[in-house]
């Protein structure tokens, strides 16, 4: 498969990278994935986005480079409007952007809560983070997993009080999702079709429900920590969880892009 002018620099298991992939896929845009190694990725991302935070995703689209999933969403909407993911200017567009911003923040708490239980629950972090990489990177990733745990704990403040705070913020996000949907899993967050609000909420909440088609489906060889498995079961019984499963089932399909591993 030939390369494209678009390259997404990413971590396969990052839910913010999942958001960026979904945005590109929803627009029908071909792109190449470039998997970066955690830690070493900062040398690449800071070279690409000199004023950025050194995080992923980073999208290079021709002459344009963007280092934030929201910036990516807005760029794609401006540049490729033929498959709209935002309503026309007006109250519905404003609401979609407000919900995108809100669930973007909820995603921060999902990440802290999930990593907190993965680290504290003794899950195989190396196998989880590096399963999509070629064999040499998988081997290296499992070797450096203890260092990654230490870095994650410090970077995301993964300590018991903060993890509990994130749990409450995450549950508040699920409650708001249900209010916005009026407890109807068949609805969309804004209007009658998929928007950036739906993509943001679904992708950033997907580590909790682990729907098929997400980077986090249930796998017998990688059982989640008990707290994560319990919340996933509870969520699937709620309108929010049923909405997540529906949106993934109906909208998260694409041809596999060319994969290059760094």
C-alpha atoms as a PDB file:
ATOM      1  CA  UNK A   1       0.000   0.000   0.000  1.00  0.00           C
ATOM      2  CA  UNK A   2       1.529   3.380  -0.898  1.00  0.00           C
ATOM      3  CA  UNK A   3       2.186   5.922   1.788  1.00  0.00           C
ATOM      4  CA  UNK A   4       0.009   9.013   2.103  1.00  0.00           C
ATOM      5  CA  UNK A   5       0.856  12.605   2.819  1.00  0.00           C
ATOM      6  CA  UNK A   6      -0.842  12.270   6.222  1.00  0.00           C
ATOM      7  CA  UNK A   7       1.016  10.685   9.110  1.00  0.00           C
ATOM      8  CA  UNK A   8      -0.364  10.209  12.616  1.00  0.00           C
ATOM      9  CA  UNK A   9       2.293   9.810  15.294  1.00  0.00           C
ATOM     10  CA  UNK A  10       0.747   7.884  18.143  1.00  0.00           C
ATOM     11  CA  UNK A  11       0.594   5.281  20.892  1.00  0.00           C
ATOM     12  CA  UNK A  12      -1.796   2.474  19.868  1.00  0.00           C
ATOM     13  CA  UNK A  13      -3.437   2.276  23.322  1.00  0.00           C
ATOM     14  CA  UNK A  14      -3.853   6.035  23.875  1.00  0.00           C
ATOM     15  CA  UNK A  15      -7.527   7.001  23.927  1.00  0.00           C
ATOM     16  CA  UNK A  16      -6.619  10.482  22.646  1.00  0.00           C
ATOM     17  CA  UNK A  17      -4.889   8.800  19.689  1.00  0.00           C
ATOM     18  CA  UNK A  18      -7.994   6.668  19.230  1.00  0.00           C
ATOM     19  CA  UNK A  19      -9.967   9.925  18.996  1.00  0.00           C
ATOM     20  CA  UNK A  20      -7.603  11.224  16.309  1.00  0.00           C
ATOM     21  CA  UNK A  21      -7.756   7.965  14.337  1.00  0.00           C
ATOM     22  CA  UNK A  22     -11.554   7.984  14.486  1.00  0.00           C
ATOM     23  CA  UNK A  23     -11.718  11.581  13.257  1.00  0.00           C
ATOM     24  CA  UNK A  24      -9.562  10.709  10.251  1.00  0.00           C
ATOM     25  CA  UNK A  25     -11.539   7.545   9.561  1.00  0.00           C
ATOM     26  CA  UNK A  26     -14.881   9.341   9.843  1.00  0.00           C
ATOM     27  CA  UNK A  27     -13.649  11.804   7.215  1.00  0.00           C
ATOM     28  CA  UNK A  28     -12.593   8.922   4.975  1.00  0.00           C
ATOM     29  CA  UNK A  29      -9.014  10.173   4.830  1.00  0.00           C
ATOM     30  CA  UNK A  30      -6.104   7.766   4.216  1.00  0.00           C
ATOM     31  CA  UNK A  31      -3.136   8.101   6.551  1.00  0.00           C
ATOM     32  CA  UNK A  32      -0.075   6.315   7.814  1.00  0.00           C
ATOM     33  CA  UNK A  33       0.358   5.376  11.454  1.00  0.00           C
ATOM     34  CA  UNK A  34       3.727   5.849  13.113  1.00  0.00           C
ATOM     35  CA  UNK A  35       3.974   4.146  16.486  1.00  0.00           C
ATOM     36  CA  UNK A  36       6.370   5.870  18.863  1.00  0.00           C
ATOM     37  CA  UNK A  37       8.074   4.390  21.918  1.00  0.00           C
ATOM     38  CA  UNK A  38       6.970   6.033  25.196  1.00  0.00           C
ATOM     39  CA  UNK A  39       9.663   8.287  26.587  1.00  0.00           C
ATOM     40  CA  UNK A  40      11.654   8.444  23.396  1.00  0.00           C
ATOM     41  CA  UNK A  41       8.557   9.815  21.651  1.00  0.00           C
ATOM     42  CA  UNK A  42       9.239  13.298  23.025  1.00  0.00           C
ATOM     43  CA  UNK A  43      12.284  13.726  20.811  1.00  0.00           C
ATOM     44  CA  UNK A  44      10.059  13.166  17.775  1.00  0.00           C
ATOM     45  CA  UNK A  45       7.018  15.156  18.855  1.00  0.00           C
ATOM     46  CA  UNK A  46       9.007  18.177  20.040  1.00  0.00           C
ATOM     47  CA  UNK A  47      10.854  18.214  16.740  1.00  0.00           C
ATOM     48  CA  UNK A  48       7.534  18.167  14.901  1.00  0.00           C
ATOM     49  CA  UNK A  49       5.721  20.638  17.173  1.00  0.00           C
ATOM     50  CA  UNK A  50       8.306  22.956  18.695  1.00  0.00           C
ATOM     51  CA  UNK A  51       5.729  24.747  20.854  1.00  0.00           C
ATOM     52  CA  UNK A  52       3.867  21.566  21.853  1.00  0.00           C
ATOM     53  CA  UNK A  53       3.837  19.557  25.057  1.00  0.00           C
ATOM     54  CA  UNK A  54       5.729  16.640  23.606  1.00  0.00           C
ATOM     55  CA  UNK A  55       2.644  14.417  23.712  1.00  0.00           C
ATOM     56  CA  UNK A  56       0.738  12.379  21.144  1.00  0.00           C
ATOM     57  CA  UNK A  57      -1.232  12.374  18.910  1.00  0.00           C
ATOM     58  CA  UNK A  58       0.600  14.501  16.362  1.00  0.00           C
ATOM     59  CA  UNK A  59      -0.843  14.733  12.857  1.00  0.00           C
ATOM     60  CA  UNK A  60       1.255  15.810   9.890  1.00  0.00           C
ATOM     61  CA  UNK A  61      -1.120  16.680   7.057  1.00  0.00           C
ATOM     62  CA  UNK A  62       0.933  17.948   4.137  1.00  0.00           C
ATOM     63  CA  UNK A  63       2.499  21.214   5.308  1.00  0.00           C
ATOM     64  CA  UNK A  64       0.386  21.376   8.485  1.00  0.00           C
ATOM     65  CA  UNK A  65       1.451  19.810  11.790  1.00  0.00           C
ATOM     66  CA  UNK A  66      -0.876  19.646  14.784  1.00  0.00           C
ATOM     67  CA  UNK A  67      -0.146  18.335  18.269  1.00  0.00           C
ATOM     68  CA  UNK A  68      -3.536  18.165  19.994  1.00  0.00           C
ATOM     69  CA  UNK A  69      -6.609  16.042  19.293  1.00  0.00           C
ATOM     70  CA  UNK A  70      -8.961  19.046  19.424  1.00  0.00           C
ATOM     71  CA  UNK A  71      -6.743  21.007  17.027  1.00  0.00           C
ATOM     72  CA  UNK A  72      -6.773  17.965  14.758  1.00  0.00           C
ATOM     73  CA  UNK A  73     -10.583  17.860  14.851  1.00  0.00           C
ATOM     74  CA  UNK A  74     -10.928  21.530  13.956  1.00  0.00           C
ATOM     75  CA  UNK A  75      -8.279  21.348  11.229  1.00  0.00           C
ATOM     76  CA  UNK A  76      -9.969  18.360   9.589  1.00  0.00           C
ATOM     77  CA  UNK A  77     -13.341  20.110   9.704  1.00  0.00           C
ATOM     78  CA  UNK A  78     -11.937  23.256   8.059  1.00  0.00           C
ATOM     79  CA  UNK A  79      -9.855  21.419   5.471  1.00  0.00           C
ATOM     80  CA  UNK A  80     -12.183  18.535   4.552  1.00  0.00           C
ATOM     81  CA  UNK A  81     -15.742  19.861   5.011  1.00  0.00           C
ATOM     82  CA  UNK A  82     -17.405  17.468   2.581  1.00  0.00           C
ATOM     83  CA  UNK A  83     -17.990  14.932   5.382  1.00  0.00           C
ATOM     84  CA  UNK A  84     -19.078  17.282   8.175  1.00  0.00           C
ATOM     85  CA  UNK A  85     -18.572  16.331  11.805  1.00  0.00           C
ATOM     86  CA  UNK A  86     -19.876  19.645  13.113  1.00  0.00           C
ATOM     87  CA  UNK A  87     -23.285  21.260  12.537  1.00  0.00           C
ATOM     88  CA  UNK A  88     -23.447  24.586  10.656  1.00  0.00           C
ATOM     89  CA  UNK A  89     -22.584  27.724  12.675  1.00  0.00           C
ATOM     90  CA  UNK A  90     -25.189  28.285  15.338  1.00  0.00           C
ATOM     91  CA  UNK A  91     -26.358  26.890  18.687  1.00  0.00           C
ATOM     92  CA  UNK A  92     -25.903  23.224  17.721  1.00  0.00           C
ATOM     93  CA  UNK A  93     -22.297  23.794  16.631  1.00  0.00           C
ATOM     94  CA  UNK A  94     -21.605  25.676  19.869  1.00  0.00           C
ATOM     95  CA  UNK A  95     -23.089  22.807  21.863  1.00  0.00           C
ATOM     96  CA  UNK A  96     -21.059  20.202  19.979  1.00  0.00           C
ATOM     97  CA  UNK A  97     -17.843  22.129  20.644  1.00  0.00           C
ATOM     98  CA  UNK A  98     -18.713  22.580  24.324  1.00  0.00           C
ATOM     99  CA  UNK A  99     -19.352  18.849  24.700  1.00  0.00           C
ATOM    100  CA  UNK A 100     -16.129  18.058  22.844  1.00  0.00           C
ATOM    101  CA  UNK A 101     -14.238  20.236  25.309  1.00  0.00           C
ATOM    102  CA  UNK A 102     -16.033  18.730  28.315  1.00  0.00           C
ATOM    103  CA  UNK A 103     -15.395  15.099  27.392  1.00  0.00           C
ATOM    104  CA  UNK A 104     -11.810  15.949  26.459  1.00  0.00           C
ATOM    105  CA  UNK A 105     -11.332  16.893  30.113  1.00  0.00           C
ATOM    106  CA  UNK A 106     -13.152  13.774  31.308  1.00  0.00           C
ATOM    107  CA  UNK A 107     -10.625  11.791  29.265  1.00  0.00           C
ATOM    108  CA  UNK A 108      -7.844  13.070  31.539  1.00  0.00           C
ATOM    109  CA  UNK A 109      -9.605  11.473  34.498  1.00  0.00           C
ATOM    110  CA  UNK A 110     -10.306   8.246  32.612  1.00  0.00           C
ATOM    111  CA  UNK A 111      -6.572   7.960  31.907  1.00  0.00           C
ATOM    112  CA  UNK A 112      -5.528   8.560  35.514  1.00  0.00           C
ATOM    113  CA  UNK A 113      -8.131   6.173  36.910  1.00  0.00           C
ATOM    114  CA  UNK A 114      -7.293   3.421  34.413  1.00  0.00           C
ATOM    115  CA  UNK A 115      -3.534   3.688  34.816  1.00  0.00           C
ATOM    116  CA  UNK A 116      -3.984   3.830  38.580  1.00  0.00           C
ATOM    117  CA  UNK A 117      -5.703   0.455  38.626  1.00  0.00           C
ATOM    118  CA  UNK A 118      -3.419  -1.052  35.992  1.00  0.00           C
ATOM    119  CA  UNK A 119      -0.328  -0.068  37.972  1.00  0.00           C
ATOM    120  CA  UNK A 120      -1.681  -0.815  41.434  1.00  0.00           C
ATOM    121  CA  UNK A 121      -3.512  -3.947  40.341  1.00  0.00           C
ATOM    122  CA  UNK A 122      -0.392  -5.633  38.999  1.00  0.00           C
ATOM    123  CA  UNK A 123      -1.563  -5.845  35.382  1.00  0.00           C
ATOM    124  CA  UNK A 124       1.071  -6.530  32.735  1.00  0.00           C
ATOM    125  CA  UNK A 125       1.656  -2.942  31.625  1.00  0.00           C
ATOM    126  CA  UNK A 126       4.336  -3.905  29.108  1.00  0.00           C
ATOM    127  CA  UNK A 127       2.103  -6.411  27.337  1.00  0.00           C
ATOM    128  CA  UNK A 128      -0.815  -3.971  27.365  1.00  0.00           C
ATOM    129  CA  UNK A 129       1.055  -0.982  25.979  1.00  0.00           C
ATOM    130  CA  UNK A 130       3.223  -2.738  23.389  1.00  0.00           C
ATOM    131  CA  UNK A 131       1.086  -5.544  21.976  1.00  0.00           C
ATOM    132  CA  UNK A 132       0.667  -3.700  18.631  1.00  0.00           C
ATOM    133  CA  UNK A 133       4.408  -3.130  18.154  1.00  0.00           C
ATOM    134  CA  UNK A 134       6.859  -5.371  16.255  1.00  0.00           C
ATOM    135  CA  UNK A 135       8.648  -8.031  18.295  1.00  0.00           C
ATOM    136  CA  UNK A 136      11.828  -6.022  19.087  1.00  0.00           C
ATOM    137  CA  UNK A 137       9.784  -3.117  20.474  1.00  0.00           C
ATOM    138  CA  UNK A 138       7.530  -5.500  22.405  1.00  0.00           C
ATOM    139  CA  UNK A 139      10.588  -7.019  24.041  1.00  0.00           C
ATOM    140  CA  UNK A 140      12.070  -3.611  24.838  1.00  0.00           C
ATOM    141  CA  UNK A 141       8.737  -2.307  26.106  1.00  0.00           C
ATOM    142  CA  UNK A 142       8.339  -5.125  28.581  1.00  0.00           C
ATOM    143  CA  UNK A 143      11.915  -4.571  29.727  1.00  0.00           C
ATOM    144  CA  UNK A 144      11.355  -0.880  30.458  1.00  0.00           C
ATOM    145  CA  UNK A 145       7.808  -1.277  31.851  1.00  0.00           C
ATOM    146  CA  UNK A 146       8.934  -0.593  35.458  1.00  0.00           C
ATOM    147  CA  UNK A 147      10.470   2.713  34.352  1.00  0.00           C
ATOM    148  CA  UNK A 148       7.288   3.589  32.466  1.00  0.00           C
ATOM    149  CA  UNK A 149       5.207   2.902  35.575  1.00  0.00           C
ATOM    150  CA  UNK A 150       7.334   5.333  37.572  1.00  0.00           C
ATOM    151  CA  UNK A 151       7.098   7.980  34.852  1.00  0.00           C
ATOM    152  CA  UNK A 152       3.320   7.576  34.521  1.00  0.00           C
ATOM    153  CA  UNK A 153       2.802   7.849  38.253  1.00  0.00           C
ATOM    154  CA  UNK A 154       4.766  11.092  38.380  1.00  0.00           C
ATOM    155  CA  UNK A 155       3.429  12.625  35.150  1.00  0.00           C
ATOM    156  CA  UNK A 156      -0.262  11.941  35.810  1.00  0.00           C
ATOM    157  CA  UNK A 157      -0.115  12.150  39.634  1.00  0.00           C
ATOM    158  CA  UNK A 158      -1.312   8.590  40.072  1.00  0.00           C
ATOM    159  CA  UNK A 159      -1.755   8.558  43.822  1.00  0.00           C
ATOM    160  CA  UNK A 160      -4.746   7.263  45.795  1.00  0.00           C
ATOM    161  CA  UNK A 161      -6.473  10.634  46.473  1.00  0.00           C
ATOM    162  CA  UNK A 162      -6.087  11.777  42.861  1.00  0.00           C
ATOM    163  CA  UNK A 163      -7.250   8.406  41.480  1.00  0.00           C
ATOM    164  CA  UNK A 164     -10.373   8.632  43.660  1.00  0.00           C
ATOM    165  CA  UNK A 165     -10.967  12.212  42.503  1.00  0.00           C
ATOM    166  CA  UNK A 166     -10.719  11.031  38.911  1.00  0.00           C
ATOM    167  CA  UNK A 167     -13.187   8.209  39.579  1.00  0.00           C
ATOM    168  CA  UNK A 168     -15.761  10.751  40.752  1.00  0.00           C
ATOM    169  CA  UNK A 169     -15.097  13.054  37.765  1.00  0.00           C
ATOM    170  CA  UNK A 170     -15.398  10.086  35.424  1.00  0.00           C
ATOM    171  CA  UNK A 171     -18.726   9.005  36.937  1.00  0.00           C
ATOM    172  CA  UNK A 172     -19.965  12.591  36.677  1.00  0.00           C
ATOM    173  CA  UNK A 173     -19.058  12.456  32.988  1.00  0.00           C
ATOM    174  CA  UNK A 174     -21.116   9.305  32.523  1.00  0.00           C
ATOM    175  CA  UNK A 175     -24.045  10.947  34.307  1.00  0.00           C
ATOM    176  CA  UNK A 176     -23.825  13.965  32.019  1.00  0.00           C
ATOM    177  CA  UNK A 177     -23.623  11.741  28.954  1.00  0.00           C
ATOM    178  CA  UNK A 178     -26.897  10.112  29.983  1.00  0.00           C
ATOM    179  CA  UNK A 179     -28.542  13.484  30.610  1.00  0.00           C
ATOM    180  CA  UNK A 180     -27.471  14.747  27.195  1.00  0.00           C
ATOM    181  CA  UNK A 181     -28.848  11.556  25.601  1.00  0.00           C
ATOM    182  CA  UNK A 182     -32.003  11.719  27.729  1.00  0.00           C
ATOM    183  CA  UNK A 183     -31.172   8.132  28.717  1.00  0.00           C
ATOM    184  CA  UNK A 184     -31.769   7.004  25.136  1.00  0.00           C
ATOM    185  CA  UNK A 185     -28.806   5.014  23.720  1.00  0.00           C
ATOM    186  CA  UNK A 186     -30.141   5.419  20.174  1.00  0.00           C
ATOM    187  CA  UNK A 187     -29.619   9.206  20.175  1.00  0.00           C
ATOM    188  CA  UNK A 188     -26.626  11.311  19.179  1.00  0.00           C
ATOM    189  CA  UNK A 189     -25.276  14.022  21.431  1.00  0.00           C
ATOM    190  CA  UNK A 190     -26.079  16.809  18.975  1.00  0.00           C
ATOM    191  CA  UNK A 191     -28.558  16.567  16.136  1.00  0.00           C
ATOM    192  CA  UNK A 192     -29.325  13.356  14.279  1.00  0.00           C
ATOM    193  CA  UNK A 193     -25.870  12.229  13.136  1.00  0.00           C
ATOM    194  CA  UNK A 194     -22.354  11.585  14.389  1.00  0.00           C
ATOM    195  CA  UNK A 195     -20.356  14.677  15.380  1.00  0.00           C
ATOM    196  CA  UNK A 196     -17.019  15.411  17.025  1.00  0.00           C
ATOM    197  CA  UNK A 197     -18.914  15.411  20.332  1.00  0.00           C
ATOM    198  CA  UNK A 198     -19.892  11.750  19.892  1.00  0.00           C
ATOM    199  CA  UNK A 199     -16.411  10.749  18.706  1.00  0.00           C
ATOM    200  CA  UNK A 200     -14.756  12.502  21.631  1.00  0.00           C
ATOM    201  CA  UNK A 201     -17.084  11.073  24.259  1.00  0.00           C
ATOM    202  CA  UNK A 202     -17.008   7.531  22.851  1.00  0.00           C
ATOM    203  CA  UNK A 203     -13.258   7.311  22.279  1.00  0.00           C
ATOM    204  CA  UNK A 204     -12.247   8.884  25.585  1.00  0.00           C
ATOM    205  CA  UNK A 205     -14.687   6.772  27.596  1.00  0.00           C
ATOM    206  CA  UNK A 206     -13.880   3.562  25.707  1.00  0.00           C
ATOM    207  CA  UNK A 207     -11.206   2.355  28.191  1.00  0.00           C
ATOM    208  CA  UNK A 208     -14.014   1.915  30.724  1.00  0.00           C
ATOM    209  CA  UNK A 209     -16.530  -0.036  28.622  1.00  0.00           C
ATOM    210  CA  UNK A 210     -13.919  -1.730  26.359  1.00  0.00           C
ATOM    211  CA  UNK A 211     -16.210  -2.067  23.295  1.00  0.00           C
ATOM    212  CA  UNK A 212     -15.251  -4.187  20.305  1.00  0.00           C
ATOM    213  CA  UNK A 213     -13.486  -2.031  17.742  1.00  0.00           C
ATOM    214  CA  UNK A 214     -11.721  -0.015  20.436  1.00  0.00           C
ATOM    215  CA  UNK A 215      -8.088  -0.518  21.499  1.00  0.00           C
ATOM    216  CA  UNK A 216      -9.373  -2.148  24.709  1.00  0.00           C
ATOM    217  CA  UNK A 217     -11.598  -5.164  23.872  1.00  0.00           C
ATOM    218  CA  UNK A 218     -11.860  -7.944  26.422  1.00  0.00           C
ATOM    219  CA  UNK A 219      -9.047 -10.474  26.018  1.00  0.00           C
ATOM    220  CA  UNK A 220      -8.668 -13.715  27.942  1.00  0.00           C
ATOM    221  CA  UNK A 221      -4.875 -13.415  27.910  1.00  0.00           C
ATOM    222  CA  UNK A 222      -4.945  -9.880  29.364  1.00  0.00           C
ATOM    223  CA  UNK A 223      -7.656  -9.730  32.027  1.00  0.00           C
ATOM    224  CA  UNK A 224      -8.246  -6.225  33.408  1.00  0.00           C
ATOM    225  CA  UNK A 225      -7.835  -5.394  37.096  1.00  0.00           C
ATOM    226  CA  UNK A 226     -10.881  -6.285  39.177  1.00  0.00           C
ATOM    227  CA  UNK A 227     -12.073  -2.669  39.616  1.00  0.00           C
ATOM    228  CA  UNK A 228     -11.950  -2.062  35.862  1.00  0.00           C
ATOM    229  CA  UNK A 229     -13.805  -5.285  35.055  1.00  0.00           C
ATOM    230  CA  UNK A 230     -16.468  -4.459  37.629  1.00  0.00           C
ATOM    231  CA  UNK A 231     -17.036  -0.932  36.318  1.00  0.00           C
ATOM    232  CA  UNK A 232     -17.203  -2.194  32.724  1.00  0.00           C
ATOM    233  CA  UNK A 233     -19.931  -4.642  33.705  1.00  0.00           C
ATOM    234  CA  UNK A 234     -21.868  -1.940  35.560  1.00  0.00           C
ATOM    235  CA  UNK A 235     -21.499   0.511  32.698  1.00  0.00           C
ATOM    236  CA  UNK A 236     -22.770  -1.922  30.078  1.00  0.00           C
ATOM    237  CA  UNK A 237     -26.056  -2.077  32.003  1.00  0.00           C
ATOM    238  CA  UNK A 238     -26.452   1.718  31.867  1.00  0.00           C
ATOM    239  CA  UNK A 239     -27.706   3.852  28.959  1.00  0.00           C
ATOM    240  CA  UNK A 240     -24.227   5.412  28.705  1.00  0.00           C
ATOM    241  CA  UNK A 241     -22.594   2.034  28.240  1.00  0.00           C
ATOM    242  CA  UNK A 242     -25.217   0.859  25.767  1.00  0.00           C
ATOM    243  CA  UNK A 243     -24.659   4.076  23.794  1.00  0.00           C
ATOM    244  CA  UNK A 244     -20.907   3.479  23.755  1.00  0.00           C
ATOM    245  CA  UNK A 245     -21.366  -0.058  22.442  1.00  0.00           C
ATOM    246  CA  UNK A 246     -23.819   1.136  19.768  1.00  0.00           C
ATOM    247  CA  UNK A 247     -21.665   4.007  18.538  1.00  0.00           C
ATOM    248  CA  UNK A 248     -18.626   1.736  18.243  1.00  0.00           C
ATOM    249  CA  UNK A 249     -20.611  -0.985  16.503  1.00  0.00           C
ATOM    250  CA  UNK A 250     -22.261   1.367  14.002  1.00  0.00           C
ATOM    251  CA  UNK A 251     -19.506   3.874  13.311  1.00  0.00           C
ATOM    252  CA  UNK A 252     -16.074   2.508  14.176  1.00  0.00           C
ATOM    253  CA  UNK A 253     -15.155   0.589  11.021  1.00  0.00           C
ATOM    254  CA  UNK A 254     -12.305   1.316   8.631  1.00  0.00           C
ATOM    255  CA  UNK A 255      -9.761  -0.303   6.359  1.00  0.00           C
ATOM    256  CA  UNK A 256      -6.441  -0.857   8.093  1.00  0.00           C
ATOM    257  CA  UNK A 257      -4.007   1.935   7.154  1.00  0.00           C
ATOM    258  CA  UNK A 258      -0.386   1.322   6.399  1.00  0.00           C
ATOM    259  CA  UNK A 259       1.463   0.823   9.658  1.00  0.00           C
ATOM    260  CA  UNK A 260       5.007   1.926  10.264  1.00  0.00           C
ATOM    261  CA  UNK A 261       6.519   1.295  13.659  1.00  0.00           C
ATOM    262  CA  UNK A 262       9.227   3.574  14.947  1.00  0.00           C
END
